[in-house]
PDB file of N, CA and C in Angstrom:
ATOM      1  N   UNK A   1      33.082  -2.791  -6.214  1.00  0.00           N
ATOM      2  CA  UNK A   1      32.125  -3.219  -5.564  1.00  0.00           C
ATOM      3  C   UNK A   1      32.500  -2.529  -4.097  1.00  0.00           C
ATOM      4  N   UNK A   2      31.225  -1.873  -3.347  1.00  0.00           N
ATOM      5  CA  UNK A   2      31.236  -1.277  -1.995  1.00  0.00           C
ATOM      6  C   UNK A   2      31.209  -2.527  -1.283  1.00  0.00           C
ATOM      7  N   UNK A   3      32.084  -2.081   0.073  1.00  0.00           N
ATOM      8  CA  UNK A   3      31.817  -3.421   0.993  1.00  0.00           C
ATOM      9  C   UNK A   3      31.055  -2.751   1.997  1.00  0.00           C
ATOM     10  N   UNK A   4      30.385  -3.357   3.002  1.00  0.00           N
ATOM     11  CA  UNK A   4      29.404  -3.143   4.064  1.00  0.00           C
ATOM     12  C   UNK A   4      29.960  -2.375   4.833  1.00  0.00           C
ATOM     13  N   UNK A   5      31.361  -2.401   5.376  1.00  0.00           N
ATOM     14  CA  UNK A   5      31.770  -1.674   6.408  1.00  0.00           C
ATOM     15  C   UNK A   5      32.214  -0.080   5.867  1.00  0.00           C
ATOM     16  N   UNK A   6      32.430  -0.508   4.260  1.00  0.00           N
ATOM     17  CA  UNK A   6      32.971   0.972   3.967  1.00  0.00           C
ATOM     18  C   UNK A   6      31.537   1.886   3.567  1.00  0.00           C
ATOM     19  N   UNK A   7      30.489   1.104   3.163  1.00  0.00           N
ATOM     20  CA  UNK A   7      28.990   1.947   2.870  1.00  0.00           C
ATOM     21  C   UNK A   7      28.566   2.518   4.312  1.00  0.00           C
ATOM     22  N   UNK A   8      28.717   1.599   5.246  1.00  0.00           N
ATOM     23  CA  UNK A   8      28.389   2.124   7.027  1.00  0.00           C
ATOM     24  C   UNK A   8      29.143   3.054   7.205  1.00  0.00           C
ATOM     25  N   UNK A   9      30.674   3.415   7.217  1.00  0.00           N
ATOM     26  CA  UNK A   9      31.347   4.197   7.284  1.00  0.00           C
ATOM     27  C   UNK A   9      30.734   5.567   6.721  1.00  0.00           C
ATOM     28  N   UNK A  10      30.305   5.387   5.469  1.00  0.00           N
ATOM     29  CA  UNK A  10      30.112   6.506   4.492  1.00  0.00           C
ATOM     30  C   UNK A  10      28.752   7.159   5.029  1.00  0.00           C
ATOM     31  N   UNK A  11      27.894   6.083   5.229  1.00  0.00           N
ATOM     32  CA  UNK A  11      26.665   6.621   6.142  1.00  0.00           C
ATOM     33  C   UNK A  11      26.517   7.071   7.135  1.00  0.00           C
ATOM     34  N   UNK A  12      27.333   6.507   7.988  1.00  0.00           N
ATOM     35  CA  UNK A  12      27.951   7.484   9.511  1.00  0.00           C
ATOM     36  C   UNK A  12      28.324   8.842   9.210  1.00  0.00           C
ATOM     37  N   UNK A  13      29.078   9.116   8.460  1.00  0.00           N
ATOM     38  CA  UNK A  13      29.966  10.157   8.030  1.00  0.00           C
ATOM     39  C   UNK A  13      28.904  11.301   7.765  1.00  0.00           C
ATOM     40  N   UNK A  14      28.110  10.901   6.735  1.00  0.00           N
ATOM     41  CA  UNK A  14      26.959  11.580   6.190  1.00  0.00           C
ATOM     42  C   UNK A  14      26.121  11.780   7.235  1.00  0.00           C
ATOM     43  N   UNK A  15      25.523  11.184   8.351  1.00  0.00           N
ATOM     44  CA  UNK A  15      24.509  11.518   9.191  1.00  0.00           C
ATOM     45  C   UNK A  15      25.420  12.384  10.016  1.00  0.00           C
ATOM     46  N   UNK A  16      26.327  12.142  10.589  1.00  0.00           N
ATOM     47  CA  UNK A  16      27.117  13.032  11.482  1.00  0.00           C
ATOM     48  C   UNK A  16      26.697  14.626  10.782  1.00  0.00           C
ATOM     49  N   UNK A  17      27.442  14.841   9.491  1.00  0.00           N
ATOM     50  CA  UNK A  17      27.179  16.240   8.892  1.00  0.00           C
ATOM     51  C   UNK A  17      26.018  16.726   8.603  1.00  0.00           C
ATOM     52  N   UNK A  18      25.144  15.890   8.242  1.00  0.00           N
ATOM     53  CA  UNK A  18      23.612  16.489   8.290  1.00  0.00           C
ATOM     54  C   UNK A  18      23.262  16.701   9.516  1.00  0.00           C
ATOM     55  N   UNK A  19      23.141  15.966  10.661  1.00  0.00           N
ATOM     56  CA  UNK A  19      23.144  16.235  11.972  1.00  0.00           C
ATOM     57  C   UNK A  19      23.611  17.450  12.630  1.00  0.00           C
ATOM     58  N   UNK A  20      24.809  17.826  12.209  1.00  0.00           N
ATOM     59  CA  UNK A  20      25.324  18.946  12.558  1.00  0.00           C
ATOM     60  C   UNK A  20      24.387  20.140  11.935  1.00  0.00           C
ATOM     61  N   UNK A  21      24.237  19.840  10.800  1.00  0.00           N
ATOM     62  CA  UNK A  21      23.401  21.010   9.987  1.00  0.00           C
ATOM     63  C   UNK A  21      22.034  21.270  10.851  1.00  0.00           C
ATOM     64  N   UNK A  22      21.364  19.759  10.806  1.00  0.00           N
ATOM     65  CA  UNK A  22      20.346  20.237  11.487  1.00  0.00           C
ATOM     66  C   UNK A  22      20.448  21.073  13.009  1.00  0.00           C
ATOM     67  N   UNK A  23      21.268  20.409  13.690  1.00  0.00           N
ATOM     68  CA  UNK A  23      21.673  21.600  14.982  1.00  0.00           C
ATOM     69  C   UNK A  23      21.613  22.923  14.555  1.00  0.00           C
ATOM     70  N   UNK A  24      22.627  23.336  13.811  1.00  0.00           N
ATOM     71  CA  UNK A  24      22.464  24.588  13.332  1.00  0.00           C
ATOM     72  C   UNK A  24      21.364  25.548  12.866  1.00  0.00           C
ATOM     73  N   UNK A  25      20.557  24.613  12.051  1.00  0.00           N
ATOM     74  CA  UNK A  25      19.214  25.129  11.541  1.00  0.00           C
ATOM     75  C   UNK A  25      18.454  25.472  12.915  1.00  0.00           C
ATOM     76  N   UNK A  26      18.463  24.596  13.915  1.00  0.00           N
ATOM     77  CA  UNK A  26      17.694  25.038  14.753  1.00  0.00           C
ATOM     78  C   UNK A  26      17.835  26.036  15.736  1.00  0.00           C
ATOM     79  N   UNK A  27      19.318  26.042  15.861  1.00  0.00           N
ATOM     80  CA  UNK A  27      19.676  27.146  16.549  1.00  0.00           C
ATOM     81  C   UNK A  27      19.506  28.635  15.942  1.00  0.00           C
ATOM     82  N   UNK A  28      19.326  28.625  14.545  1.00  0.00           N
ATOM     83  CA  UNK A  28      19.046  29.547  13.733  1.00  0.00           C
ATOM     84  C   UNK A  28      17.745  30.079  14.069  1.00  0.00           C
ATOM     85  N   UNK A  29      16.740  29.170  14.056  1.00  0.00           N
ATOM     86  CA  UNK A  29      15.386  29.159  13.920  1.00  0.00           C
ATOM     87  C   UNK A  29      15.090  29.898  15.527  1.00  0.00           C
ATOM     88  N   UNK A  30      15.770  29.248  16.322  1.00  0.00           N
ATOM     89  CA  UNK A  30      15.314  29.666  17.728  1.00  0.00           C
ATOM     90  C   UNK A  30      15.839  31.324  18.225  1.00  0.00           C
ATOM     91  N   UNK A  31      16.991  31.401  17.207  1.00  0.00           N
ATOM     92  CA  UNK A  31      17.762  32.841  17.310  1.00  0.00           C
ATOM     93  C   UNK A  31      17.026  33.790  16.708  1.00  0.00           C
ATOM     94  N   UNK A  32      16.077  33.310  15.624  1.00  0.00           N
ATOM     95  CA  UNK A  32      15.197  34.247  15.163  1.00  0.00           C
ATOM     96  C   UNK A  32      13.774  34.985  15.768  1.00  0.00           C
ATOM     97  N   UNK A  33      14.076  33.912  16.774  1.00  0.00           N
ATOM     98  CA  UNK A  33      12.579  34.532  17.504  1.00  0.00           C
ATOM     99  C   UNK A  33      11.388  33.295  16.949  1.00  0.00           C
ATOM    100  N   UNK A  34      10.318  33.531  17.974  1.00  0.00           N
ATOM    101  CA  UNK A  34       9.020  32.447  18.151  1.00  0.00           C
ATOM    102  C   UNK A  34       8.760  32.147  17.029  1.00  0.00           C
ATOM    103  N   UNK A  35       8.384  33.358  16.263  1.00  0.00           N
ATOM    104  CA  UNK A  35       7.622  33.171  14.971  1.00  0.00           C
ATOM    105  C   UNK A  35       8.415  32.107  13.604  1.00  0.00           C
ATOM    106  N   UNK A  36       9.415  32.214  13.868  1.00  0.00           N
ATOM    107  CA  UNK A  36      10.344  31.853  12.605  1.00  0.00           C
ATOM    108  C   UNK A  36      10.607  30.473  13.301  1.00  0.00           C
ATOM    109  N   UNK A  37      10.764  30.113  14.556  1.00  0.00           N
ATOM    110  CA  UNK A  37      10.934  29.091  15.182  1.00  0.00           C
ATOM    111  C   UNK A  37       9.974  27.981  14.789  1.00  0.00           C
ATOM    112  N   UNK A  38       8.420  28.585  15.153  1.00  0.00           N
ATOM    113  CA  UNK A  38       7.393  27.689  15.276  1.00  0.00           C
ATOM    114  C   UNK A  38       7.430  27.813  13.344  1.00  0.00           C
ATOM    115  N   UNK A  39       7.401  28.820  12.426  1.00  0.00           N
ATOM    116  CA  UNK A  39       7.590  28.425  11.000  1.00  0.00           C
ATOM    117  C   UNK A  39       8.378  27.028  10.476  1.00  0.00           C
ATOM    118  N   UNK A  40       9.202  26.989  11.179  1.00  0.00           N
ATOM    119  CA  UNK A  40      10.028  25.638  10.847  1.00  0.00           C
ATOM    120  C   UNK A  40       9.973  24.591  11.402  1.00  0.00           C
ATOM    121  N   UNK A  41       9.455  24.686  12.660  1.00  0.00           N
ATOM    122  CA  UNK A  41       9.354  23.604  13.680  1.00  0.00           C
ATOM    123  C   UNK A  41       9.076  22.383  12.879  1.00  0.00           C
ATOM    124  N   UNK A  42       7.728  22.276  12.145  1.00  0.00           N
ATOM    125  CA  UNK A  42       7.480  21.140  11.333  1.00  0.00           C
ATOM    126  C   UNK A  42       8.758  20.294  10.646  1.00  0.00           C
ATOM    127  N   UNK A  43       9.448  21.605   9.701  1.00  0.00           N
ATOM    128  CA  UNK A  43      10.433  20.874   8.861  1.00  0.00           C
ATOM    129  C   UNK A  43      11.528  20.598   9.521  1.00  0.00           C
ATOM    130  N   UNK A  44      11.989  20.932  10.878  1.00  0.00           N
ATOM    131  CA  UNK A  44      12.668  20.277  11.535  1.00  0.00           C
ATOM    132  C   UNK A  44      12.512  18.954  12.170  1.00  0.00           C
ATOM    133  N   UNK A  45      11.475  18.896  12.551  1.00  0.00           N
ATOM    134  CA  UNK A  45      10.624  18.009  13.031  1.00  0.00           C
ATOM    135  C   UNK A  45      11.177  16.536  11.900  1.00  0.00           C
ATOM    136  N   UNK A  46      10.362  17.051  10.754  1.00  0.00           N
ATOM    137  CA  UNK A  46      10.768  16.251   9.711  1.00  0.00           C
ATOM    138  C   UNK A  46      11.812  15.430   9.361  1.00  0.00           C
ATOM    139  N   UNK A  47      12.704  16.404   9.810  1.00  0.00           N
ATOM    140  CA  UNK A  47      14.198  16.219   9.138  1.00  0.00           C
ATOM    141  C   UNK A  47      14.634  15.200  10.575  1.00  0.00           C
ATOM    142  N   UNK A  48      14.261  15.601  11.668  1.00  0.00           N
ATOM    143  CA  UNK A  48      15.110  14.849  12.747  1.00  0.00           C
ATOM    144  C   UNK A  48      14.329  13.112  12.798  1.00  0.00           C
ATOM    145  N   UNK A  49      13.333  13.216  12.151  1.00  0.00           N
ATOM    146  CA  UNK A  49      12.648  12.017  12.032  1.00  0.00           C
ATOM    147  C   UNK A  49      13.027  11.021  10.747  1.00  0.00           C
ATOM    148  N   UNK A  50      13.822  11.648   9.801  1.00  0.00           N
ATOM    149  CA  UNK A  50      14.666  11.022   8.719  1.00  0.00           C
ATOM    150  C   UNK A  50      15.707  10.933   9.230  1.00  0.00           C
ATOM    151  N   UNK A  51      16.544  11.911  10.349  1.00  0.00           N
ATOM    152  CA  UNK A  51      17.423  11.237  10.585  1.00  0.00           C
ATOM    153  C   UNK A  51      17.410   9.971  11.829  1.00  0.00           C
ATOM    154  N   UNK A  52      16.543  10.000  12.423  1.00  0.00           N
ATOM    155  CA  UNK A  52      16.258   8.843  13.179  1.00  0.00           C
ATOM    156  C   UNK A  52      16.182   7.355  12.231  1.00  0.00           C
ATOM    157  N   UNK A  53      15.420   7.736  11.060  1.00  0.00           N
ATOM    158  CA  UNK A  53      15.376   6.633  10.061  1.00  0.00           C
ATOM    159  C   UNK A  53      16.594   6.168   9.527  1.00  0.00           C
ATOM    160  N   UNK A  54      17.388   7.146   9.378  1.00  0.00           N
ATOM    161  CA  UNK A  54      18.865   6.616   8.735  1.00  0.00           C
ATOM    162  C   UNK A  54      19.617   5.796   9.783  1.00  0.00           C
ATOM    163  N   UNK A  55      19.609   6.347  11.057  1.00  0.00           N
ATOM    164  CA  UNK A  55      20.201   5.730  12.274  1.00  0.00           C
ATOM    165  C   UNK A  55      19.704   4.437  12.183  1.00  0.00           C
ATOM    166  N   UNK A  56      18.389   4.135  12.018  1.00  0.00           N
ATOM    167  CA  UNK A  56      18.184   2.620  12.369  1.00  0.00           C
ATOM    168  C   UNK A  56      18.379   1.720  10.890  1.00  0.00           C
ATOM    169  N   UNK A  57      18.878   2.550  10.059  1.00  0.00           N
ATOM    170  CA  UNK A  57      19.239   1.587   8.641  1.00  0.00           C
ATOM    171  C   UNK A  57      20.582   1.354   9.172  1.00  0.00           C
ATOM    172  N   UNK A  58      21.403   2.281   9.800  1.00  0.00           N
ATOM    173  CA  UNK A  58      22.882   1.876   9.899  1.00  0.00           C
ATOM    174  C   UNK A  58      22.664   0.738  11.082  1.00  0.00           C
ATOM    175  N   UNK A  59      22.072   0.844  12.130  1.00  0.00           N
ATOM    176  CA  UNK A  59      21.840  -0.221  12.805  1.00  0.00           C
ATOM    177  C   UNK A  59      21.741  -1.583  12.013  1.00  0.00           C
ATOM    178  N   UNK A  60      20.458  -1.600  11.278  1.00  0.00           N
ATOM    179  CA  UNK A  60      20.240  -2.931  10.553  1.00  0.00           C
ATOM    180  C   UNK A  60      21.622  -3.402  10.066  1.00  0.00           C
ATOM    181  N   UNK A  61      22.260  -2.505   9.435  1.00  0.00           N
ATOM    182  CA  UNK A  61      23.631  -2.881   8.650  1.00  0.00           C
ATOM    183  C   UNK A  61      24.176  -3.447   9.753  1.00  0.00           C
ATOM    184  N   UNK A  62      24.627  -2.959  10.934  1.00  0.00           N
ATOM    185  CA  UNK A  62      25.435  -3.423  11.770  1.00  0.00           C
ATOM    186  C   UNK A  62      25.111  -5.077  12.158  1.00  0.00           C
ATOM    187  N   UNK A  63      23.718  -5.095  11.979  1.00  0.00           N
ATOM    188  CA  UNK A  63      23.107  -6.254  12.431  1.00  0.00           C
ATOM    189  C   UNK A  63      23.096  -7.241  11.374  1.00  0.00           C
ATOM    190  N   UNK A  64      22.962  -7.010   9.927  1.00  0.00           N
ATOM    191  CA  UNK A  64      23.049  -8.017   9.325  1.00  0.00           C
ATOM    192  C   UNK A  64      24.257  -8.766   9.055  1.00  0.00           C
ATOM    193  N   UNK A  65      23.859 -10.029   8.069  1.00  0.00           N
ATOM    194  CA  UNK A  65      25.005 -10.889   8.156  1.00  0.00           C
ATOM    195  C   UNK A  65      25.225 -10.792   6.567  1.00  0.00           C
ATOM    196  N   UNK A  66      26.393 -11.613   6.280  1.00  0.00           N
ATOM    197  CA  UNK A  66      26.378 -12.088   4.663  1.00  0.00           C
ATOM    198  C   UNK A  66      26.138 -11.236   3.463  1.00  0.00           C
ATOM    199  N   UNK A  67      25.232 -11.443   2.888  1.00  0.00           N
ATOM    200  CA  UNK A  67      24.834 -10.320   1.594  1.00  0.00           C
ATOM    201  C   UNK A  67      23.574 -10.113   2.072  1.00  0.00           C
ATOM    202  N   UNK A  68      22.754 -10.171   2.851  1.00  0.00           N
ATOM    203  CA  UNK A  68      21.895  -9.499   3.692  1.00  0.00           C
ATOM    204  C   UNK A  68      21.709  -7.997   3.682  1.00  0.00           C
ATOM    205  N   UNK A  69      22.982  -7.580   3.793  1.00  0.00           N
ATOM    206  CA  UNK A  69      23.427  -6.081   4.322  1.00  0.00           C
ATOM    207  C   UNK A  69      22.878  -5.523   2.668  1.00  0.00           C
ATOM    208  N   UNK A  70      23.157  -6.065   1.546  1.00  0.00           N
ATOM    209  CA  UNK A  70      22.901  -5.475   0.065  1.00  0.00           C
ATOM    210  C   UNK A  70      21.290  -5.144  -0.076  1.00  0.00           C
ATOM    211  N   UNK A  71      20.722  -5.713   0.455  1.00  0.00           N
ATOM    212  CA  UNK A  71      19.009  -5.531   0.470  1.00  0.00           C
ATOM    213  C   UNK A  71      18.573  -4.187   1.502  1.00  0.00           C
ATOM    214  N   UNK A  72      19.460  -4.314   2.472  1.00  0.00           N
ATOM    215  CA  UNK A  72      19.274  -3.074   3.686  1.00  0.00           C
ATOM    216  C   UNK A  72      19.608  -1.887   2.883  1.00  0.00           C
ATOM    217  N   UNK A  73      20.749  -2.012   1.993  1.00  0.00           N
ATOM    218  CA  UNK A  73      21.493  -0.741   1.341  1.00  0.00           C
ATOM    219  C   UNK A  73      20.268  -0.015   0.413  1.00  0.00           C
ATOM    220  N   UNK A  74      19.455  -0.840  -0.259  1.00  0.00           N
ATOM    221  CA  UNK A  74      18.654  -0.138  -1.161  1.00  0.00           C
ATOM    222  C   UNK A  74      17.646   0.515  -0.427  1.00  0.00           C
ATOM    223  N   UNK A  75      17.183   0.274   0.578  1.00  0.00           N
ATOM    224  CA  UNK A  75      16.121   0.827   1.510  1.00  0.00           C
ATOM    225  C   UNK A  75      17.195   2.445   2.276  1.00  0.00           C
ATOM    226  N   UNK A  76      18.320   1.818   2.393  1.00  0.00           N
ATOM    227  CA  UNK A  76      18.973   3.026   3.181  1.00  0.00           C
ATOM    228  C   UNK A  76      19.396   4.147   2.014  1.00  0.00           C
ATOM    229  N   UNK A  77      19.701   3.348   0.955  1.00  0.00           N
ATOM    230  CA  UNK A  77      20.104   4.719  -0.019  1.00  0.00           C
ATOM    231  C   UNK A  77      18.836   5.504  -0.097  1.00  0.00           C
ATOM    232  N   UNK A  78      17.417   5.070  -0.237  1.00  0.00           N
ATOM    233  CA  UNK A  78      16.404   5.869  -0.590  1.00  0.00           C
ATOM    234  C   UNK A  78      16.538   6.722   0.754  1.00  0.00           C
ATOM    235  N   UNK A  79      16.548   6.499   1.984  1.00  0.00           N
ATOM    236  CA  UNK A  79      16.418   6.915   3.370  1.00  0.00           C
ATOM    237  C   UNK A  79      17.391   8.117   3.584  1.00  0.00           C
ATOM    238  N   UNK A  80      18.636   7.989   3.009  1.00  0.00           N
ATOM    239  CA  UNK A  80      19.860   9.024   2.606  1.00  0.00           C
ATOM    240  C   UNK A  80      19.259   9.771   1.626  1.00  0.00           C
ATOM    241  N   UNK A  81      18.833   9.415   0.372  1.00  0.00           N
ATOM    242  CA  UNK A  81      18.566  10.401  -0.327  1.00  0.00           C
ATOM    243  C   UNK A  81      17.391  11.592  -0.033  1.00  0.00           C
ATOM    244  N   UNK A  82      16.329  10.955   0.393  1.00  0.00           N
ATOM    245  CA  UNK A  82      15.224  11.834   1.118  1.00  0.00           C
ATOM    246  C   UNK A  82      15.858  12.775   2.342  1.00  0.00           C
ATOM    247  N   UNK A  83      16.636  11.896   3.097  1.00  0.00           N
ATOM    248  CA  UNK A  83      17.267  13.016   4.253  1.00  0.00           C
ATOM    249  C   UNK A  83      17.832  14.291   3.317  1.00  0.00           C
ATOM    250  N   UNK A  84      18.906  13.979   2.555  1.00  0.00           N
ATOM    251  CA  UNK A  84      19.972  14.986   1.775  1.00  0.00           C
ATOM    252  C   UNK A  84      19.014  15.937   1.259  1.00  0.00           C
ATOM    253  N   UNK A  85      17.593  15.515   0.561  1.00  0.00           N
ATOM    254  CA  UNK A  85      16.588  16.611  -0.243  1.00  0.00           C
ATOM    255  C   UNK A  85      16.237  17.265   0.868  1.00  0.00           C
ATOM    256  N   UNK A  86      15.853  16.920   1.853  1.00  0.00           N
ATOM    257  CA  UNK A  86      15.172  17.467   3.421  1.00  0.00           C
ATOM    258  C   UNK A  86      15.982  18.281   3.648  1.00  0.00           C
ATOM    259  N   UNK A  87      17.223  18.212   3.819  1.00  0.00           N
ATOM    260  CA  UNK A  87      18.552  19.172   4.679  1.00  0.00           C
ATOM    261  C   UNK A  87      18.516  20.359   3.745  1.00  0.00           C
ATOM    262  N   UNK A  88      18.893  19.789   2.196  1.00  0.00           N
ATOM    263  CA  UNK A  88      19.078  20.924   1.225  1.00  0.00           C
ATOM    264  C   UNK A  88      17.897  21.873   1.276  1.00  0.00           C
ATOM    265  N   UNK A  89      16.889  21.478   1.310  1.00  0.00           N
ATOM    266  CA  UNK A  89      15.560  21.941   1.349  1.00  0.00           C
ATOM    267  C   UNK A  89      15.663  23.249   2.294  1.00  0.00           C
ATOM    268  N   UNK A  90      15.809  22.478   3.640  1.00  0.00           N
ATOM    269  CA  UNK A  90      15.716  23.259   4.974  1.00  0.00           C
ATOM    270  C   UNK A  90      16.820  24.658   4.837  1.00  0.00           C
ATOM    271  N   UNK A  91      18.034  23.897   4.322  1.00  0.00           N
ATOM    272  CA  UNK A  91      19.068  24.975   4.207  1.00  0.00           C
ATOM    273  C   UNK A  91      18.423  26.298   3.363  1.00  0.00           C
ATOM    274  N   UNK A  92      17.823  25.930   2.205  1.00  0.00           N
ATOM    275  CA  UNK A  92      17.605  27.049   1.370  1.00  0.00           C
ATOM    276  C   UNK A  92      16.626  27.788   2.043  1.00  0.00           C
ATOM    277  N   UNK A  93      15.791  27.279   2.662  1.00  0.00           N
ATOM    278  CA  UNK A  93      14.383  28.008   3.596  1.00  0.00           C
ATOM    279  C   UNK A  93      15.327  28.963   4.588  1.00  0.00           C
ATOM    280  N   UNK A  94      16.465  28.615   5.189  1.00  0.00           N
ATOM    281  CA  UNK A  94      16.751  29.413   6.309  1.00  0.00           C
ATOM    282  C   UNK A  94      17.973  30.644   5.931  1.00  0.00           C
ATOM    283  N   UNK A  95      18.439  30.412   4.518  1.00  0.00           N
ATOM    284  CA  UNK A  95      19.298  31.654   4.023  1.00  0.00           C
ATOM    285  C   UNK A  95      18.620  32.711   4.048  1.00  0.00           C
TER     286      UNK A  95
END
């Protein structure tokens, strides 16, 4: 069984990795010119929203006590999967 601390560390590490990828994608879009930047601006904004949502779930985990974190874990897993899918989709489009 995964502990709250282990799960939080996993989320933190994944969030940092995906955040770095988002920053890289944003830089690539900017470097490719205004047309490309506009084309992917909405997608990057959606990723940033998912990034923020995952950050909030990590904060909720910090603030949870006892077994309550397991309830938060369920929604955090969904947010993480949505974020993962969005990052993968964006990476494939930018290649």
